[in-house]
Amino acid sequence: AAALAAAVPAAGAAASPLPLPVSLLERPDRLT
């Protein structure tokens, strides 16, 4: 995401990182 954000030129604004999908950051709940 950081590499992609740096590669995409910002139109008159500072580049900001792209938000990551929440599902990539969350771990599933697992209970016994």
PDB file of all heavy atoms in Angstrom:
ATOM      1  N   ALA A   1       0.834  -1.203   0.000  1.00  0.00           N
ATOM      2  CA  ALA A   1       0.000   0.000   0.000  1.00  0.00           C
ATOM      3  C   ALA A   1       0.868   1.252   0.000  1.00  0.00           C
ATOM      4  O   ALA A   1       0.592   2.213  -0.711  1.00  0.00           O
ATOM      5  CB  ALA A   1      -0.940  -0.009   1.211  1.00  0.00           C
ATOM      6  N   ALA A   2       1.934   1.244   0.789  1.00  0.00           N
ATOM      7  CA  ALA A   2       2.834   2.389   0.839  1.00  0.00           C
ATOM      8  C   ALA A   2       3.521   2.586  -0.500  1.00  0.00           C
ATOM      9  O   ALA A   2       3.658   3.713  -0.984  1.00  0.00           O
ATOM     10  CB  ALA A   2       3.861   2.197   1.951  1.00  0.00           C
ATOM     11  N   ALA A   3       3.952   1.499  -1.131  1.00  0.00           N
ATOM     12  CA  ALA A   3       4.605   1.595  -2.439  1.00  0.00           C
ATOM     13  C   ALA A   3       3.636   2.117  -3.485  1.00  0.00           C
ATOM     14  O   ALA A   3       3.984   2.964  -4.311  1.00  0.00           O
ATOM     15  CB  ALA A   3       5.159   0.227  -2.852  1.00  0.00           C
ATOM     16  N   LEU A   4       2.392   1.644  -3.449  1.00  0.00           N
ATOM     17  CA  LEU A   4       1.384   2.093  -4.398  1.00  0.00           C
ATOM     18  C   LEU A   4       1.061   3.565  -4.173  1.00  0.00           C
ATOM     19  O   LEU A   4       0.953   4.337  -5.128  1.00  0.00           O
ATOM     20  CB  LEU A   4       0.126   1.239  -4.280  1.00  0.00           C
ATOM     21  CG  LEU A   4      -0.989   1.538  -5.276  1.00  0.00           C
ATOM     22  CD1 LEU A   4      -0.480   1.393  -6.711  1.00  0.00           C
ATOM     23  CD2 LEU A   4      -2.160   0.612  -5.047  1.00  0.00           C
ATOM     24  N   ALA A   5       0.943   3.971  -2.936  1.00  0.00           N
ATOM     25  CA  ALA A   5       0.635   5.368  -2.632  1.00  0.00           C
ATOM     26  C   ALA A   5       1.759   6.283  -3.092  1.00  0.00           C
ATOM     27  O   ALA A   5       1.518   7.378  -3.596  1.00  0.00           O
ATOM     28  CB  ALA A   5       0.380   5.538  -1.136  1.00  0.00           C
ATOM     29  N   ALA A   6       3.000   5.851  -2.942  1.00  0.00           N
ATOM     30  CA  ALA A   6       4.139   6.658  -3.369  1.00  0.00           C
ATOM     31  C   ALA A   6       4.219   6.727  -4.886  1.00  0.00           C
ATOM     32  O   ALA A   6       4.675   7.719  -5.454  1.00  0.00           O
ATOM     33  CB  ALA A   6       5.424   6.076  -2.790  1.00  0.00           C
ATOM     34  N   ALA A   7       3.775   5.686  -5.572  1.00  0.00           N
ATOM     35  CA  ALA A   7       3.870   5.632  -7.031  1.00  0.00           C
ATOM     36  C   ALA A   7       2.786   6.454  -7.712  1.00  0.00           C
ATOM     37  O   ALA A   7       2.952   6.889  -8.843  1.00  0.00           O
ATOM     38  CB  ALA A   7       3.788   4.179  -7.506  1.00  0.00           C
ATOM     39  N   VAL A   8       1.660   6.672  -7.049  1.00  0.00           N
ATOM     40  CA  VAL A   8       0.560   7.419  -7.647  1.00  0.00           C
ATOM     41  C   VAL A   8       0.765   8.895  -7.354  1.00  0.00           C
ATOM     42  O   VAL A   8       0.789   9.302  -6.191  1.00  0.00           O
ATOM     43  CB  VAL A   8      -0.798   6.941  -7.074  1.00  0.00           C
ATOM     44  CG1 VAL A   8      -1.930   7.787  -7.615  1.00  0.00           C
ATOM     45  CG2 VAL A   8      -1.006   5.480  -7.373  1.00  0.00           C
ATOM     46  N   PRO A   9       0.921   9.731  -8.389  1.00  0.00           N
ATOM     47  CA  PRO A   9       1.138  11.154  -8.129  1.00  0.00           C
ATOM     48  C   PRO A   9      -0.126  11.800  -7.563  1.00  0.00           C
ATOM     49  O   PRO A   9      -1.227  11.514  -8.013  1.00  0.00           O
ATOM     50  CB  PRO A   9       1.487  11.725  -9.506  1.00  0.00           C
ATOM     51  CG  PRO A   9       0.952  10.740 -10.493  1.00  0.00           C
ATOM     52  CD  PRO A   9       0.922   9.409  -9.802  1.00  0.00           C
ATOM     53  N   ALA A  10       0.056  12.633  -6.590  1.00  0.00           N
ATOM     54  CA  ALA A  10      -1.073  13.341  -6.000  1.00  0.00           C
ATOM     55  C   ALA A  10      -1.337  14.595  -6.811  1.00  0.00           C
ATOM     56  O   ALA A  10      -0.413  15.318  -7.158  1.00  0.00           O
ATOM     57  CB  ALA A  10      -0.763  13.697  -4.547  1.00  0.00           C
ATOM     58  N   ALA A  11      -2.586  14.858  -7.081  1.00  0.00           N
ATOM     59  CA  ALA A  11      -2.965  16.030  -7.875  1.00  0.00           C
ATOM     60  C   ALA A  11      -3.012  17.255  -6.977  1.00  0.00           C
ATOM     61  O   ALA A  11      -4.036  17.551  -6.383  1.00  0.00           O
ATOM     62  CB  ALA A  11      -4.310  15.800  -8.547  1.00  0.00           C
ATOM     63  N   GLY A  12      -1.894  17.942  -6.859  1.00  0.00           N
ATOM     64  CA  GLY A  12      -1.834  19.178  -6.090  1.00  0.00           C
ATOM     65  C   GLY A  12      -1.877  18.985  -4.591  1.00  0.00           C
ATOM     66  O   GLY A  12      -2.082  19.919  -3.864  1.00  0.00           O
ATOM     67  N   ALA A  13      -1.698  17.773  -4.110  1.00  0.00           N
ATOM     68  CA  ALA A  13      -1.727  17.534  -2.671  1.00  0.00           C
ATOM     69  C   ALA A  13      -0.654  16.530  -2.322  1.00  0.00           C
ATOM     70  O   ALA A  13      -0.164  15.807  -3.166  1.00  0.00           O
ATOM     71  CB  ALA A  13      -3.094  17.016  -2.251  1.00  0.00           C
ATOM     72  N   ALA A  14      -0.313  16.497  -1.067  1.00  0.00           N
ATOM     73  CA  ALA A  14       0.680  15.528  -0.605  1.00  0.00           C
ATOM     74  C   ALA A  14       0.092  14.128  -0.714  1.00  0.00           C
ATOM     75  O   ALA A  14      -1.090  13.921  -0.474  1.00  0.00           O
ATOM     76  CB  ALA A  14       1.064  15.825   0.838  1.00  0.00           C
ATOM     77  N   ALA A  15       0.925  13.182  -1.096  1.00  0.00           N
ATOM     78  CA  ALA A  15       0.461  11.800  -1.224  1.00  0.00           C
ATOM     79  C   ALA A  15       0.118  11.246   0.150  1.00  0.00           C
ATOM     80  O   ALA A  15       0.820  11.489   1.117  1.00  0.00           O
ATOM     81  CB  ALA A  15       1.531  10.949  -1.881  1.00  0.00           C
ATOM     82  N   SER A  16      -0.983  10.496   0.225  1.00  0.00           N
ATOM     83  CA  SER A  16      -1.356   9.855   1.484  1.00  0.00           C
ATOM     84  C   SER A  16      -1.472   8.361   1.236  1.00  0.00           C
ATOM     85  O   SER A  16      -1.835   7.940   0.142  1.00  0.00           O
ATOM     86  CB  SER A  16      -2.676  10.413   2.005  1.00  0.00           C
ATOM     87  OG  SER A  16      -3.695  10.139   1.080  1.00  0.00           O
ATOM     88  N   PRO A  17      -1.156   7.556   2.237  1.00  0.00           N
ATOM     89  CA  PRO A  17      -1.251   6.105   2.034  1.00  0.00           C
ATOM     90  C   PRO A  17      -2.691   5.675   1.798  1.00  0.00           C
ATOM     91  O   PRO A  17      -3.622   6.291   2.313  1.00  0.00           O
ATOM     92  CB  PRO A  17      -0.699   5.516   3.331  1.00  0.00           C
ATOM     93  CG  PRO A  17      -0.726   6.616   4.319  1.00  0.00           C
ATOM     94  CD  PRO A  17      -0.725   7.911   3.557  1.00  0.00           C
ATOM     95  N   LEU A  18      -2.858   4.636   1.008  1.00  0.00           N
ATOM     96  CA  LEU A  18      -4.186   4.095   0.743  1.00  0.00           C
ATOM     97  C   LEU A  18      -4.679   3.336   1.957  1.00  0.00           C
ATOM     98  O   LEU A  18      -3.897   2.669   2.623  1.00  0.00           O
ATOM     99  CB  LEU A  18      -4.133   3.154  -0.453  1.00  0.00           C
ATOM    100  CG  LEU A  18      -3.740   3.787  -1.787  1.00  0.00           C
ATOM    101  CD1 LEU A  18      -3.590   2.700  -2.847  1.00  0.00           C
ATOM    102  CD2 LEU A  18      -4.783   4.795  -2.209  1.00  0.00           C
ATOM    103  N   PRO A  19      -5.971   3.407   2.254  1.00  0.00           N
ATOM    104  CA  PRO A  19      -6.469   2.622   3.391  1.00  0.00           C
ATOM    105  C   PRO A  19      -6.456   1.136   3.042  1.00  0.00           C
ATOM    106  O   PRO A  19      -6.734   0.745   1.914  1.00  0.00           O
ATOM    107  CB  PRO A  19      -7.904   3.132   3.570  1.00  0.00           C
ATOM    108  CG  PRO A  19      -8.275   3.692   2.243  1.00  0.00           C
ATOM    109  CD  PRO A  19      -7.000   4.204   1.612  1.00  0.00           C
ATOM    110  N   LEU A  20      -6.097   0.339   4.001  1.00  0.00           N
ATOM    111  CA  LEU A  20      -6.106  -1.110   3.824  1.00  0.00           C
ATOM    112  C   LEU A  20      -7.477  -1.648   4.158  1.00  0.00           C
ATOM    113  O   LEU A  20      -8.138  -1.147   5.066  1.00  0.00           O
ATOM    114  CB  LEU A  20      -5.082  -1.770   4.746  1.00  0.00           C
ATOM    115  CG  LEU A  20      -3.623  -1.527   4.393  1.00  0.00           C
ATOM    116  CD1 LEU A  20      -2.738  -2.131   5.469  1.00  0.00           C
ATOM    117  CD2 LEU A  20      -3.283  -2.123   3.055  1.00  0.00           C
ATOM    118  N   PRO A  21      -7.924  -2.662   3.455  1.00  0.00           N
ATOM    119  CA  PRO A  21      -9.194  -3.289   3.833  1.00  0.00           C
ATOM    120  C   PRO A  21      -9.099  -3.823   5.256  1.00  0.00           C
ATOM    121  O   PRO A  21      -8.091  -4.420   5.636  1.00  0.00           O
ATOM    122  CB  PRO A  21      -9.349  -4.435   2.833  1.00  0.00           C
ATOM    123  CG  PRO A  21      -8.394  -4.133   1.730  1.00  0.00           C
ATOM    124  CD  PRO A  21      -7.315  -3.282   2.307  1.00  0.00           C
ATOM    125  N   VAL A  22     -10.136  -3.590   6.038  1.00  0.00           N
ATOM    126  CA  VAL A  22     -10.147  -4.024   7.429  1.00  0.00           C
ATOM    127  C   VAL A  22      -9.933  -5.533   7.524  1.00  0.00           C
ATOM    128  O   VAL A  22      -9.263  -6.023   8.421  1.00  0.00           O
ATOM    129  CB  VAL A  22     -11.465  -3.610   8.117  1.00  0.00           C
ATOM    130  CG1 VAL A  22     -11.549  -4.168   9.523  1.00  0.00           C
ATOM    131  CG2 VAL A  22     -11.576  -2.103   8.138  1.00  0.00           C
ATOM    132  N   SER A  23     -10.453  -6.282   6.566  1.00  0.00           N
ATOM    133  CA  SER A  23     -10.336  -7.730   6.623  1.00  0.00           C
ATOM    134  C   SER A  23      -8.896  -8.200   6.570  1.00  0.00           C
ATOM    135  O   SER A  23      -8.569  -9.275   7.062  1.00  0.00           O
ATOM    136  CB  SER A  23     -11.141  -8.384   5.495  1.00  0.00           C
ATOM    137  OG  SER A  23     -10.638  -7.939   4.246  1.00  0.00           O
ATOM    138  N   LEU A  24      -7.991  -7.419   5.981  1.00  0.00           N
ATOM    139  CA  LEU A  24      -6.580  -7.800   5.951  1.00  0.00           C
ATOM    140  C   LEU A  24      -5.927  -7.631   7.320  1.00  0.00           C
ATOM    141  O   LEU A  24      -4.959  -8.302   7.638  1.00  0.00           O
ATOM    142  CB  LEU A  24      -5.813  -6.956   4.931  1.00  0.00           C
ATOM    143  CG  LEU A  24      -6.017  -7.300   3.473  1.00  0.00           C
ATOM    144  CD1 LEU A  24      -5.233  -6.336   2.599  1.00  0.00           C
ATOM    145  CD2 LEU A  24      -5.612  -8.732   3.182  1.00  0.00           C
ATOM    146  N   LEU A  25      -6.434  -6.686   8.107  1.00  0.00           N
ATOM    147  CA  LEU A  25      -5.821  -6.400   9.399  1.00  0.00           C
ATOM    148  C   LEU A  25      -6.423  -7.195  10.542  1.00  0.00           C
ATOM    149  O   LEU A  25      -5.773  -7.408  11.552  1.00  0.00           O
ATOM    150  CB  LEU A  25      -5.942  -4.903   9.703  1.00  0.00           C
ATOM    151  CG  LEU A  25      -5.283  -3.974   8.678  1.00  0.00           C
ATOM    152  CD1 LEU A  25      -5.563  -2.526   9.026  1.00  0.00           C
ATOM    153  CD2 LEU A  25      -3.793  -4.233   8.594  1.00  0.00           C
ATOM    154  N   GLU A  26      -7.668  -7.607  10.418  1.00  0.00           N
ATOM    155  CA  GLU A  26      -8.333  -8.328  11.493  1.00  0.00           C
ATOM    156  C   GLU A  26      -8.028  -9.812  11.422  1.00  0.00           C
ATOM    157  O   GLU A  26      -7.961 -10.391  10.344  1.00  0.00           O
ATOM    158  CB  GLU A  26      -9.850  -8.146  11.404  1.00  0.00           C
ATOM    159  CG  GLU A  26     -10.315  -6.769  11.751  1.00  0.00           C
ATOM    160  CD  GLU A  26     -11.828  -6.657  11.695  1.00  0.00           C
ATOM    161  OE1 GLU A  26     -12.504  -7.655  11.401  1.00  0.00           O
ATOM    162  OE2 GLU A  26     -12.324  -5.565  11.939  1.00  0.00           O
ATOM    163  N   ARG A  27      -7.850 -10.396  12.567  1.00  0.00           N
ATOM    164  CA  ARG A  27      -7.713 -11.845  12.630  1.00  0.00           C
ATOM    165  C   ARG A  27      -9.070 -12.409  13.018  1.00  0.00           C
ATOM    166  O   ARG A  27      -9.784 -11.825  13.827  1.00  0.00           O
ATOM    167  CB  ARG A  27      -6.664 -12.233  13.678  1.00  0.00           C
ATOM    168  CG  ARG A  27      -5.306 -11.763  13.270  1.00  0.00           C
ATOM    169  CD  ARG A  27      -4.196 -12.260  14.129  1.00  0.00           C
ATOM    170  NE  ARG A  27      -4.550 -12.693  15.454  1.00  0.00           N
ATOM    171  CZ  ARG A  27      -3.714 -12.690  16.469  1.00  0.00           C
ATOM    172  NH1 ARG A  27      -2.505 -12.261  16.319  1.00  0.00           N
ATOM    173  NH2 ARG A  27      -4.087 -13.128  17.649  1.00  0.00           N
ATOM    174  N   PRO A  28      -9.441 -13.549  12.468  1.00  0.00           N
ATOM    175  CA  PRO A  28     -10.738 -14.125  12.842  1.00  0.00           C
ATOM    176  C   PRO A  28     -10.732 -14.561  14.302  1.00  0.00           C
ATOM    177  O   PRO A  28      -9.688 -14.901  14.858  1.00  0.00           O
ATOM    178  CB  PRO A  28     -10.885 -15.316  11.903  1.00  0.00           C
ATOM    179  CG  PRO A  28      -9.512 -15.629  11.446  1.00  0.00           C
ATOM    180  CD  PRO A  28      -8.725 -14.354  11.500  1.00  0.00           C
ATOM    181  N   ASP A  29     -11.906 -14.509  14.901  1.00  0.00           N
ATOM    182  CA  ASP A  29     -12.052 -14.999  16.268  1.00  0.00           C
ATOM    183  C   ASP A  29     -12.091 -16.516  16.221  1.00  0.00           C
ATOM    184  O   ASP A  29     -12.801 -17.093  15.396  1.00  0.00           O
ATOM    185  CB  ASP A  29     -13.351 -14.470  16.884  1.00  0.00           C
ATOM    186  CG  ASP A  29     -13.351 -12.958  17.013  1.00  0.00           C
ATOM    187  OD1 ASP A  29     -12.278 -12.383  17.224  1.00  0.00           O
ATOM    188  OD2 ASP A  29     -14.434 -12.361  16.909  1.00  0.00           O
ATOM    189  N   ARG A  30     -11.352 -17.157  17.099  1.00  0.00           N
ATOM    190  CA  ARG A  30     -11.349 -18.620  17.189  1.00  0.00           C
ATOM    191  C   ARG A  30     -11.446 -18.997  18.663  1.00  0.00           C
ATOM    192  O   ARG A  30     -10.570 -18.667  19.445  1.00  0.00           O
ATOM    193  CB  ARG A  30     -10.074 -19.195  16.589  1.00  0.00           C
ATOM    194  CG  ARG A  30     -10.044 -19.127  15.098  1.00  0.00           C
ATOM    195  CD  ARG A  30      -8.936 -20.001  14.515  1.00  0.00           C
ATOM    196  NE  ARG A  30      -9.016 -19.977  13.074  1.00  0.00           N
ATOM    197  CZ  ARG A  30      -8.283 -19.184  12.310  1.00  0.00           C
ATOM    198  NH1 ARG A  30      -7.424 -18.363  12.846  1.00  0.00           N
ATOM    199  NH2 ARG A  30      -8.431 -19.204  10.999  1.00  0.00           N
ATOM    200  N   LEU A  31     -12.529 -19.689  18.987  1.00  0.00           N
ATOM    201  CA  LEU A  31     -12.761 -20.087  20.370  1.00  0.00           C
ATOM    202  C   LEU A  31     -13.025 -21.588  20.436  1.00  0.00           C
ATOM    203  O   LEU A  31     -13.663 -22.150  19.556  1.00  0.00           O
ATOM    204  CB  LEU A  31     -13.976 -19.343  20.938  1.00  0.00           C
ATOM    205  CG  LEU A  31     -13.857 -17.821  21.004  1.00  0.00           C
ATOM    206  CD1 LEU A  31     -15.200 -17.198  21.352  1.00  0.00           C
ATOM    207  CD2 LEU A  31     -12.796 -17.417  22.020  1.00  0.00           C
ATOM    208  N   THR A  32     -12.545 -22.196  21.503  1.00  0.00           N
ATOM    209  CA  THR A  32     -12.870 -23.580  21.814  1.00  0.00           C
ATOM    210  C   THR A  32     -13.816 -23.540  23.004  1.00  0.00           C
ATOM    211  O   THR A  32     -13.527 -22.909  24.019  1.00  0.00           O
ATOM    212  CB  THR A  32     -11.607 -24.385  22.171  1.00  0.00           C
ATOM    213  OG1 THR A  32     -10.727 -24.366  21.041  1.00  0.00           O
ATOM    214  CG2 THR A  32     -11.951 -25.814  22.528  1.00  0.00           C
TER     215      THR A  32
END
